[in-house]
All heavy atoms as atom14 arrays in JSON, in Angstrom:
{
  "sequence": "LSNNGHLSNDAAAKIVGLLSQDRESRVTKVVLGHISENNNTEQ",
  "atom14_mask": [
    [1, 1, 1, 1, 1, 1, 1, 1, 0, 0, 0, 0, 0, 0],
    [1, 1, 1, 1, 1, 1, 0, 0, 0, 0, 0, 0, 0, 0],
    [1, 1, 1, 1, 1, 1, 1, 1, 0, 0, 0, 0, 0, 0],
    [1, 1, 1, 1, 1, 1, 1, 1, 0, 0, 0, 0, 0, 0],
    [1, 1, 1, 1, 0, 0, 0, 0, 0, 0, 0, 0, 0, 0],
    [1, 1, 1, 1, 1, 1, 1, 1, 1, 1, 0, 0, 0, 0],
    [1, 1, 1, 1, 1, 1, 1, 1, 0, 0, 0, 0, 0, 0],
    [1, 1, 1, 1, 1, 1, 0, 0, 0, 0, 0, 0, 0, 0],
    [1, 1, 1, 1, 1, 1, 1, 1, 0, 0, 0, 0, 0, 0],
    [1, 1, 1, 1, 1, 1, 1, 1, 0, 0, 0, 0, 0, 0],
    [1, 1, 1, 1, 1, 0, 0, 0, 0, 0, 0, 0, 0, 0],
    [1, 1, 1, 1, 1, 0, 0, 0, 0, 0, 0, 0, 0, 0],
    [1, 1, 1, 1, 1, 0, 0, 0, 0, 0, 0, 0, 0, 0],
    [1, 1, 1, 1, 1, 1, 1, 1, 1, 0, 0, 0, 0, 0],
    [1, 1, 1, 1, 1, 1, 1, 1, 0, 0, 0, 0, 0, 0],
    [1, 1, 1, 1, 1, 1, 1, 0, 0, 0, 0, 0, 0, 0],
    [1, 1, 1, 1, 0, 0, 0, 0, 0, 0, 0, 0, 0, 0],
    [1, 1, 1, 1, 1, 1, 1, 1, 0, 0, 0, 0, 0, 0],
    [1, 1, 1, 1, 1, 1, 1, 1, 0, 0, 0, 0, 0, 0],
    [1, 1, 1, 1, 1, 1, 0, 0, 0, 0, 0, 0, 0, 0],
    [1, 1, 1, 1, 1, 1, 1, 1, 1, 0, 0, 0, 0, 0],
    [1, 1, 1, 1, 1, 1, 1, 1, 0, 0, 0, 0, 0, 0],
    [1, 1, 1, 1, 1, 1, 1, 1, 1, 1, 1, 0, 0, 0],
    [1, 1, 1, 1, 1, 1, 1, 1, 1, 0, 0, 0, 0, 0],
    [1, 1, 1, 1, 1, 1, 0, 0, 0, 0, 0, 0, 0, 0],
    [1, 1, 1, 1, 1, 1, 1, 1, 1, 1, 1, 0, 0, 0],
    [1, 1, 1, 1, 1, 1, 1, 0, 0, 0, 0, 0, 0, 0],
    [1, 1, 1, 1, 1, 1, 1, 0, 0, 0, 0, 0, 0, 0],
    [1, 1, 1, 1, 1, 1, 1, 1, 1, 0, 0, 0, 0, 0],
    [1, 1, 1, 1, 1, 1, 1, 0, 0, 0, 0, 0, 0, 0],
    [1, 1, 1, 1, 1, 1, 1, 0, 0, 0, 0, 0, 0, 0],
    [1, 1, 1, 1, 1, 1, 1, 1, 0, 0, 0, 0, 0, 0],
    [1, 1, 1, 1, 0, 0, 0, 0, 0, 0, 0, 0, 0, 0],
    [1, 1, 1, 1, 1, 1, 1, 1, 1, 1, 0, 0, 0, 0],
    [1, 1, 1, 1, 1, 1, 1, 1, 0, 0, 0, 0, 0, 0],
    [1, 1, 1, 1, 1, 1, 0, 0, 0, 0, 0, 0, 0, 0],
    [1, 1, 1, 1, 1, 1, 1, 1, 1, 0, 0, 0, 0, 0],
    [1, 1, 1, 1, 1, 1, 1, 1, 0, 0, 0, 0, 0, 0],
    [1, 1, 1, 1, 1, 1, 1, 1, 0, 0, 0, 0, 0, 0],
    [1, 1, 1, 1, 1, 1, 1, 1, 0, 0, 0, 0, 0, 0],
    [1, 1, 1, 1, 1, 1, 1, 0, 0, 0, 0, 0, 0, 0],
    [1, 1, 1, 1, 1, 1, 1, 1, 1, 0, 0, 0, 0, 0],
    [1, 1, 1, 1, 1, 1, 1, 1, 1, 0, 0, 0, 0, 0]
  ],
  "atom14_positions": [
    [[-7.69, -15.36, -7.47], [-9.01, -14.73, -7.36], [-9.95, -15.46, -6.39], [-11.0, -14.92, -6.03], [-9.68, -14.66, -8.73], [-9.05, -13.7, -9.74], [-9.6, -13.97, -11.14], [-9.31, -12.25, -9.34], [0.0, 0.0, 0.0], [0.0, 0.0, 0.0], [0.0, 0.0, 0.0], [0.0, 0.0, 0.0], [0.0, 0.0, 0.0], [0.0, 0.0, 0.0]],
    [[-9.59, -16.65, -5.97], [-10.48, -17.46, -5.15], [-10.59, -16.9, -3.73], [-9.83, -16.02, -3.31], [-9.98, -18.9, -5.08], [-8.87, -18.99, -4.21], [0.0, 0.0, 0.0], [0.0, 0.0, 0.0], [0.0, 0.0, 0.0], [0.0, 0.0, 0.0], [0.0, 0.0, 0.0], [0.0, 0.0, 0.0], [0.0, 0.0, 0.0], [0.0, 0.0, 0.0]],
    [[-11.53, -17.46, -2.99], [-11.71, -17.06, -1.59], [-10.54, -17.46, -0.7], [-10.47, -17.04, 0.46], [-13.01, -17.65, -1.04], [-14.24, -16.97, -1.61], [-14.15, -15.91, -2.24], [-15.39, -17.57, -1.42], [0.0, 0.0, 0.0], [0.0, 0.0, 0.0], [0.0, 0.0, 0.0], [0.0, 0.0, 0.0], [0.0, 0.0, 0.0], [0.0, 0.0, 0.0]],
    [[-9.64, -18.28, -1.23], [-8.44, -18.67, -0.49], [-7.17, -18.15, -1.17], [-6.1, -18.71, -0.99], [-8.37, -20.2, -0.36], [-9.44, -20.73, 0.56], [-9.65, -20.19, 1.65], [-10.13, -21.78, 0.13], [0.0, 0.0, 0.0], [0.0, 0.0, 0.0], [0.0, 0.0, 0.0], [0.0, 0.0, 0.0], [0.0, 0.0, 0.0], [0.0, 0.0, 0.0]],
    [[-7.33, -17.08, -1.95], [-6.21, -16.53, -2.7], [-5.62, -15.29, -2.06], [-5.11, -15.33, -0.94], [0.0, 0.0, 0.0], [0.0, 0.0, 0.0], [0.0, 0.0, 0.0], [0.0, 0.0, 0.0], [0.0, 0.0, 0.0], [0.0, 0.0, 0.0], [0.0, 0.0, 0.0], [0.0, 0.0, 0.0], [0.0, 0.0, 0.0], [0.0, 0.0, 0.0]],
    [[-5.72, -14.17, -2.79], [-5.1, -12.92, -2.33], [-6.07, -11.76, -2.47], [-6.94, -11.76, -3.35], [-3.83, -12.64, -3.13], [-2.71, -13.59, -2.85], [-1.83, -13.4, -1.82], [-2.33, -14.73, -3.47], [-0.95, -14.39, -1.81], [-1.23, -15.22, -2.81], [0.0, 0.0, 0.0], [0.0, 0.0, 0.0], [0.0, 0.0, 0.0], [0.0, 0.0, 0.0]],
    [[-5.88, -10.74, -1.66], [-6.74, -9.56, -1.7], [-6.37, -8.66, -2.88], [-5.2, -8.36, -3.1], [-6.6, -8.74, -0.43], [-7.29, -9.22, 0.85], [-7.05, -8.2, 1.97], [-8.78, -9.42, 0.63], [0.0, 0.0, 0.0], [0.0, 0.0, 0.0], [0.0, 0.0, 0.0], [0.0, 0.0, 0.0], [0.0, 0.0, 0.0], [0.0, 0.0, 0.0]],
    [[-7.39, -8.23, -3.6], [-7.19, -7.25, -4.67], [-7.08, -5.86, -4.07], [-7.37, -5.62, -2.89], [-8.37, -7.29, -5.64], [-9.54, -6.81, -4.99], [0.0, 0.0, 0.0], [0.0, 0.0, 0.0], [0.0, 0.0, 0.0], [0.0, 0.0, 0.0], [0.0, 0.0, 0.0], [0.0, 0.0, 0.0], [0.0, 0.0, 0.0], [0.0, 0.0, 0.0]],
    [[-6.68, -4.9, -4.91], [-6.66, -3.5, -4.47], [-8.05, -3.06, -4.02], [-8.2, -2.34, -3.03], [-6.19, -2.59, -5.61], [-4.75, -2.84, -6.0], [-3.97, -3.4, -5.24], [-4.41, -2.42, -7.21], [0.0, 0.0, 0.0], [0.0, 0.0, 0.0], [0.0, 0.0, 0.0], [0.0, 0.0, 0.0], [0.0, 0.0, 0.0], [0.0, 0.0, 0.0]],
    [[-9.07, -3.47, -4.77], [-10.44, -3.08, -4.43], [-10.86, -3.65, -3.08], [-11.53, -2.98, -2.29], [-11.4, -3.55, -5.52], [-11.21, -2.82, -6.84], [-10.69, -1.69, -6.82], [-11.57, -3.39, -7.88], [0.0, 0.0, 0.0], [0.0, 0.0, 0.0], [0.0, 0.0, 0.0], [0.0, 0.0, 0.0], [0.0, 0.0, 0.0], [0.0, 0.0, 0.0]],
    [[-10.47, -4.9, -2.82], [-10.81, -5.52, -1.53], [-10.08, -4.83, -0.39], [-10.66, -4.59, 0.69], [-10.49, -7.01, -1.56], [0.0, 0.0, 0.0], [0.0, 0.0, 0.0], [0.0, 0.0, 0.0], [0.0, 0.0, 0.0], [0.0, 0.0, 0.0], [0.0, 0.0, 0.0], [0.0, 0.0, 0.0], [0.0, 0.0, 0.0], [0.0, 0.0, 0.0]],
    [[-8.82, -4.5, -0.61], [-8.07, -3.76, 0.41], [-8.7, -2.4, 0.67], [-8.82, -1.97, 1.83], [-6.61, -3.59, -0.03], [0.0, 0.0, 0.0], [0.0, 0.0, 0.0], [0.0, 0.0, 0.0], [0.0, 0.0, 0.0], [0.0, 0.0, 0.0], [0.0, 0.0, 0.0], [0.0, 0.0, 0.0], [0.0, 0.0, 0.0], [0.0, 0.0, 0.0]],
    [[-9.13, -1.73, -0.4], [-9.78, -0.43, -0.25], [-11.06, -0.56, 0.56], [-11.37, 0.3, 1.4], [-10.08, 0.16, -1.63], [0.0, 0.0, 0.0], [0.0, 0.0, 0.0], [0.0, 0.0, 0.0], [0.0, 0.0, 0.0], [0.0, 0.0, 0.0], [0.0, 0.0, 0.0], [0.0, 0.0, 0.0], [0.0, 0.0, 0.0], [0.0, 0.0, 0.0]],
    [[-11.8, -1.64, 0.34], [-13.03, -1.86, 1.11], [-12.73, -1.99, 2.59], [-13.41, -1.4, 3.43], [-13.74, -3.11, 0.59], [-15.02, -3.44, 1.34], [-15.68, -4.69, 0.78], [-16.95, -5.03, 1.55], [-17.58, -6.28, 1.02], [0.0, 0.0, 0.0], [0.0, 0.0, 0.0], [0.0, 0.0, 0.0], [0.0, 0.0, 0.0], [0.0, 0.0, 0.0]],
    [[-11.7, -2.77, 2.92], [-11.33, -2.95, 4.32], [-10.91, -1.62, 4.95], [-11.35, -1.26, 6.05], [-10.19, -3.98, 4.45], [-10.69, -5.38, 4.11], [-9.6, -3.96, 5.86], [-9.61, -6.43, 4.11], [0.0, 0.0, 0.0], [0.0, 0.0, 0.0], [0.0, 0.0, 0.0], [0.0, 0.0, 0.0], [0.0, 0.0, 0.0], [0.0, 0.0, 0.0]],
    [[-10.07, -0.88, 4.24], [-9.6, 0.39, 4.77], [-10.75, 1.37, 4.94], [-10.83, 2.11, 5.94], [-8.5, 0.98, 3.87], [-8.12, 2.39, 4.32], [-7.27, 0.07, 3.88], [0.0, 0.0, 0.0], [0.0, 0.0, 0.0], [0.0, 0.0, 0.0], [0.0, 0.0, 0.0], [0.0, 0.0, 0.0], [0.0, 0.0, 0.0], [0.0, 0.0, 0.0]],
    [[-11.68, 1.37, 4.0], [-12.83, 2.24, 4.11], [-13.69, 1.9, 5.32], [-14.15, 2.79, 6.05], [0.0, 0.0, 0.0], [0.0, 0.0, 0.0], [0.0, 0.0, 0.0], [0.0, 0.0, 0.0], [0.0, 0.0, 0.0], [0.0, 0.0, 0.0], [0.0, 0.0, 0.0], [0.0, 0.0, 0.0], [0.0, 0.0, 0.0], [0.0, 0.0, 0.0]],
    [[-13.91, 0.61, 5.54], [-14.71, 0.2, 6.7], [-14.02, 0.57, 8.01], [-14.66, 1.05, 8.95], [-14.95, -1.31, 6.64], [-15.9, -1.81, 5.55], [-15.87, -3.33, 5.46], [-17.33, -1.33, 5.83], [0.0, 0.0, 0.0], [0.0, 0.0, 0.0], [0.0, 0.0, 0.0], [0.0, 0.0, 0.0], [0.0, 0.0, 0.0], [0.0, 0.0, 0.0]],
    [[-12.72, 0.36, 8.06], [-11.98, 0.7, 9.28], [-12.01, 2.2, 9.55], [-12.18, 2.63, 10.7], [-10.53, 0.24, 9.16], [-10.27, -1.26, 9.21], [-8.83, -1.56, 8.83], [-10.59, -1.84, 10.58], [0.0, 0.0, 0.0], [0.0, 0.0, 0.0], [0.0, 0.0, 0.0], [0.0, 0.0, 0.0], [0.0, 0.0, 0.0], [0.0, 0.0, 0.0]],
    [[-11.86, 2.99, 8.49], [-11.77, 4.44, 8.68], [-13.1, 5.04, 9.14], [-13.12, 6.12, 9.73], [-11.32, 5.12, 7.38], [-12.31, 4.99, 6.38], [0.0, 0.0, 0.0], [0.0, 0.0, 0.0], [0.0, 0.0, 0.0], [0.0, 0.0, 0.0], [0.0, 0.0, 0.0], [0.0, 0.0, 0.0], [0.0, 0.0, 0.0], [0.0, 0.0, 0.0]],
    [[-14.19, 4.34, 8.88], [-15.51, 4.84, 9.27], [-16.04, 4.17, 10.53], [-17.14, 4.49, 10.99], [-16.49, 4.64, 8.11], [-16.17, 5.46, 6.88], [-16.14, 6.94, 7.15], [-17.17, 7.58, 7.34], [-14.93, 7.52, 7.19], [0.0, 0.0, 0.0], [0.0, 0.0, 0.0], [0.0, 0.0, 0.0], [0.0, 0.0, 0.0], [0.0, 0.0, 0.0]],
    [[-15.3, 3.24, 11.08], [-15.69, 2.55, 12.31], [-15.21, 3.38, 13.5], [-14.01, 3.55, 13.72], [-15.06, 1.16, 12.35], [-15.5, 0.34, 13.56], [-16.05, 0.93, 14.52], [-15.29, -0.88, 13.54], [0.0, 0.0, 0.0], [0.0, 0.0, 0.0], [0.0, 0.0, 0.0], [0.0, 0.0, 0.0], [0.0, 0.0, 0.0], [0.0, 0.0, 0.0]],
    [[-16.14, 3.9, 14.28], [-15.78, 4.78, 15.39], [-14.97, 4.05, 16.45], [-14.27, 4.69, 17.25], [-17.04, 5.38, 16.0], [-17.78, 6.34, 15.06], [-18.98, 6.95, 15.73], [-19.67, 7.89, 14.86], [-20.76, 8.57, 15.2], [-21.28, 8.4, 16.42], [-21.32, 9.4, 14.35], [0.0, 0.0, 0.0], [0.0, 0.0, 0.0], [0.0, 0.0, 0.0]],
    [[-15.08, 2.73, 16.49], [-14.33, 1.96, 17.48], [-12.94, 1.58, 17.0], [-12.11, 1.09, 17.78], [-15.1, 0.69, 17.85], [-16.44, 0.97, 18.53], [-17.16, -0.31, 18.89], [-16.65, -1.4, 18.54], [-18.22, -0.23, 19.55], [0.0, 0.0, 0.0], [0.0, 0.0, 0.0], [0.0, 0.0, 0.0], [0.0, 0.0, 0.0], [0.0, 0.0, 0.0]],
    [[-12.67, 1.79, 15.72], [-11.37, 1.41, 15.17], [-10.28, 2.36, 15.65], [-10.46, 3.58, 15.72], [-11.42, 1.43, 13.64], [-10.12, 1.22, 13.1], [0.0, 0.0, 0.0], [0.0, 0.0, 0.0], [0.0, 0.0, 0.0], [0.0, 0.0, 0.0], [0.0, 0.0, 0.0], [0.0, 0.0, 0.0], [0.0, 0.0, 0.0], [0.0, 0.0, 0.0]],
    [[-9.11, 1.77, 15.96], [-7.95, 2.56, 16.38], [-6.92, 2.7, 15.26], [-5.87, 3.29, 15.46], [-7.28, 1.89, 17.59], [-8.11, 1.89, 18.86], [-7.38, 1.12, 19.96], [-6.03, 1.64, 20.14], [-5.04, 0.95, 20.73], [-5.26, -0.29, 21.14], [-3.83, 1.49, 20.87], [0.0, 0.0, 0.0], [0.0, 0.0, 0.0], [0.0, 0.0, 0.0]],
    [[-7.24, 2.16, 14.09], [-6.27, 2.16, 12.99], [-6.05, 3.57, 12.47], [-6.98, 4.24, 12.02], [-6.73, 1.24, 11.84], [-5.74, 1.31, 10.69], [-6.88, -0.2, 12.33], [0.0, 0.0, 0.0], [0.0, 0.0, 0.0], [0.0, 0.0, 0.0], [0.0, 0.0, 0.0], [0.0, 0.0, 0.0], [0.0, 0.0, 0.0], [0.0, 0.0, 0.0]],
    [[-4.8, 4.02, 12.52], [-4.44, 5.33, 11.98], [-3.42, 5.23, 10.84], [-3.26, 6.18, 10.09], [-3.86, 6.25, 13.07], [-2.71, 5.62, 13.66], [-4.89, 6.52, 14.16], [0.0, 0.0, 0.0], [0.0, 0.0, 0.0], [0.0, 0.0, 0.0], [0.0, 0.0, 0.0], [0.0, 0.0, 0.0], [0.0, 0.0, 0.0], [0.0, 0.0, 0.0]],
    [[-2.76, 4.07, 10.73], [-1.77, 3.87, 9.67], [-2.0, 2.51, 9.03], [-2.1, 1.5, 9.71], [-0.34, 3.95, 10.22], [0.08, 5.33, 10.7], [1.5, 5.31, 11.23], [1.99, 6.71, 11.57], [1.17, 7.34, 12.63], [0.0, 0.0, 0.0], [0.0, 0.0, 0.0], [0.0, 0.0, 0.0], [0.0, 0.0, 0.0], [0.0, 0.0, 0.0]],
    [[-2.07, 2.51, 7.69], [-2.18, 1.28, 6.92], [-1.0, 1.21, 5.97], [-0.75, 2.15, 5.21], [-3.5, 1.21, 6.13], [-3.53, -0.03, 5.25], [-4.7, 1.22, 7.08], [0.0, 0.0, 0.0], [0.0, 0.0, 0.0], [0.0, 0.0, 0.0], [0.0, 0.0, 0.0], [0.0, 0.0, 0.0], [0.0, 0.0, 0.0], [0.0, 0.0, 0.0]],
    [[-0.27, 0.1, 6.03], [0.86, -0.14, 5.14], [0.44, -1.21, 4.14], [0.16, -2.34, 4.53], [2.11, -0.6, 5.91], [3.29, -0.74, 4.96], [2.44, 0.37, 7.04], [0.0, 0.0, 0.0], [0.0, 0.0, 0.0], [0.0, 0.0, 0.0], [0.0, 0.0, 0.0], [0.0, 0.0, 0.0], [0.0, 0.0, 0.0], [0.0, 0.0, 0.0]],
    [[0.34, -0.87, 2.87], [-0.09, -1.82, 1.85], [1.09, -2.7, 1.45], [2.17, -2.19, 1.13], [-0.63, -1.08, 0.63], [-1.83, -0.17, 0.87], [-2.23, 0.54, -0.42], [-3.01, -0.95, 1.44], [0.0, 0.0, 0.0], [0.0, 0.0, 0.0], [0.0, 0.0, 0.0], [0.0, 0.0, 0.0], [0.0, 0.0, 0.0], [0.0, 0.0, 0.0]],
    [[0.87, -4.02, 1.45], [1.96, -4.93, 1.17], [1.57, -6.09, 0.28], [0.43, -6.19, -0.18], [0.0, 0.0, 0.0], [0.0, 0.0, 0.0], [0.0, 0.0, 0.0], [0.0, 0.0, 0.0], [0.0, 0.0, 0.0], [0.0, 0.0, 0.0], [0.0, 0.0, 0.0], [0.0, 0.0, 0.0], [0.0, 0.0, 0.0], [0.0, 0.0, 0.0]],
    [[2.52, -6.99, 0.07], [2.36, -8.17, -0.79], [1.84, -7.76, -2.17], [0.96, -8.42, -2.76], [1.45, -9.21, -0.15], [1.89, -10.62, -0.41], [2.07, -11.13, -1.68], [2.17, -11.64, 0.43], [2.44, -12.39, -1.61], [2.53, -12.73, -0.33], [0.0, 0.0, 0.0], [0.0, 0.0, 0.0], [0.0, 0.0, 0.0], [0.0, 0.0, 0.0]],
    [[2.39, -6.68, -2.69], [1.95, -6.11, -3.98], [2.62, -6.89, -5.12], [3.84, -6.99, -5.18], [2.32, -4.62, -4.04], [1.55, -3.85, -2.96], [2.02, -4.04, -5.42], [2.02, -2.42, -2.77], [0.0, 0.0, 0.0], [0.0, 0.0, 0.0], [0.0, 0.0, 0.0], [0.0, 0.0, 0.0], [0.0, 0.0, 0.0], [0.0, 0.0, 0.0]],
    [[1.82, -7.43, -6.01], [2.33, -8.26, -7.11], [3.17, -7.42, -8.08], [2.78, -6.31, -8.46], [1.17, -8.9, -7.86], [1.62, -9.54, -9.04], [0.0, 0.0, 0.0], [0.0, 0.0, 0.0], [0.0, 0.0, 0.0], [0.0, 0.0, 0.0], [0.0, 0.0, 0.0], [0.0, 0.0, 0.0], [0.0, 0.0, 0.0], [0.0, 0.0, 0.0]],
    [[4.29, -7.99, -8.49], [5.12, -7.33, -9.5], [4.54, -7.47, -10.89], [4.82, -6.65, -11.77], [6.53, -7.93, -9.49], [7.33, -7.63, -8.25], [8.72, -8.22, -8.34], [8.91, -9.39, -7.95], [9.62, -7.51, -8.81], [0.0, 0.0, 0.0], [0.0, 0.0, 0.0], [0.0, 0.0, 0.0], [0.0, 0.0, 0.0], [0.0, 0.0, 0.0]],
    [[3.73, -8.5, -11.11], [3.19, -8.79, -12.44], [1.77, -8.3, -12.64], [1.37, -8.03, -13.78], [3.24, -10.3, -12.7], [4.65, -10.83, -12.7], [5.5, -10.36, -13.44], [4.91, -11.82, -11.85], [0.0, 0.0, 0.0], [0.0, 0.0, 0.0], [0.0, 0.0, 0.0], [0.0, 0.0, 0.0], [0.0, 0.0, 0.0], [0.0, 0.0, 0.0]],
    [[1.01, -8.21, -11.58], [-0.42, -7.9, -11.69], [-0.83, -6.65, -10.92], [-2.0, -6.47, -10.58], [-1.24, -9.09, -11.19], [-0.91, -10.36, -11.93], [-1.01, -10.42, -13.16], [-0.48, -11.39, -11.2], [0.0, 0.0, 0.0], [0.0, 0.0, 0.0], [0.0, 0.0, 0.0], [0.0, 0.0, 0.0], [0.0, 0.0, 0.0], [0.0, 0.0, 0.0]],
    [[0.15, -5.8, -10.64], [-0.13, -4.61, -9.87], [1.07, -3.68, -9.95], [2.13, -4.05, -10.46], [-0.37, -4.99, -8.4], [-1.29, -4.02, -7.67], [-1.71, -3.01, -8.23], [-1.61, -4.32, -6.42], [0.0, 0.0, 0.0], [0.0, 0.0, 0.0], [0.0, 0.0, 0.0], [0.0, 0.0, 0.0], [0.0, 0.0, 0.0], [0.0, 0.0, 0.0]],
    [[0.91, -2.47, -9.46], [2.03, -1.57, -9.23], [1.81, -0.92, -7.87], [0.67, -0.83, -7.39], [2.14, -0.47, -10.3], [1.0, 0.41, -10.18], [2.2, -1.06, -11.7], [0.0, 0.0, 0.0], [0.0, 0.0, 0.0], [0.0, 0.0, 0.0], [0.0, 0.0, 0.0], [0.0, 0.0, 0.0], [0.0, 0.0, 0.0], [0.0, 0.0, 0.0]],
    [[2.88, -0.47, -7.26], [2.74, 0.22, -5.98], [1.84, 1.44, -6.12], [1.0, 1.72, -5.26], [4.11, 0.62, -5.43], [4.94, -0.56, -4.96], [6.22, -0.12, -4.26], [6.49, 1.11, -4.23], [6.94, -0.99, -3.74], [0.0, 0.0, 0.0], [0.0, 0.0, 0.0], [0.0, 0.0, 0.0], [0.0, 0.0, 0.0], [0.0, 0.0, 0.0]],
    [[2.02, 2.19, -7.21], [1.24, 3.39, -7.41], [-0.24, 3.08, -7.57], [-1.1, 3.77, -7.01], [1.73, 4.16, -8.64], [1.14, 5.57, -8.75], [1.58, 6.47, -7.62], [2.77, 6.65, -7.39], [0.63, 7.06, -6.91], [0.0, 0.0, 0.0], [0.0, 0.0, 0.0], [0.0, 0.0, 0.0], [0.0, 0.0, 0.0], [0.0, 0.0, 0.0]]
  ]
}
């Protein structure tokens, strides 16, 4: 959970949301990765 740890789903969603609304962004595909087997699910 620390600032030197790992991104949560919510944090990833925030990044994707900012990118999708940035007119200068070229990002069209986001692949979600490093998904925890114990503290998350792909779905």
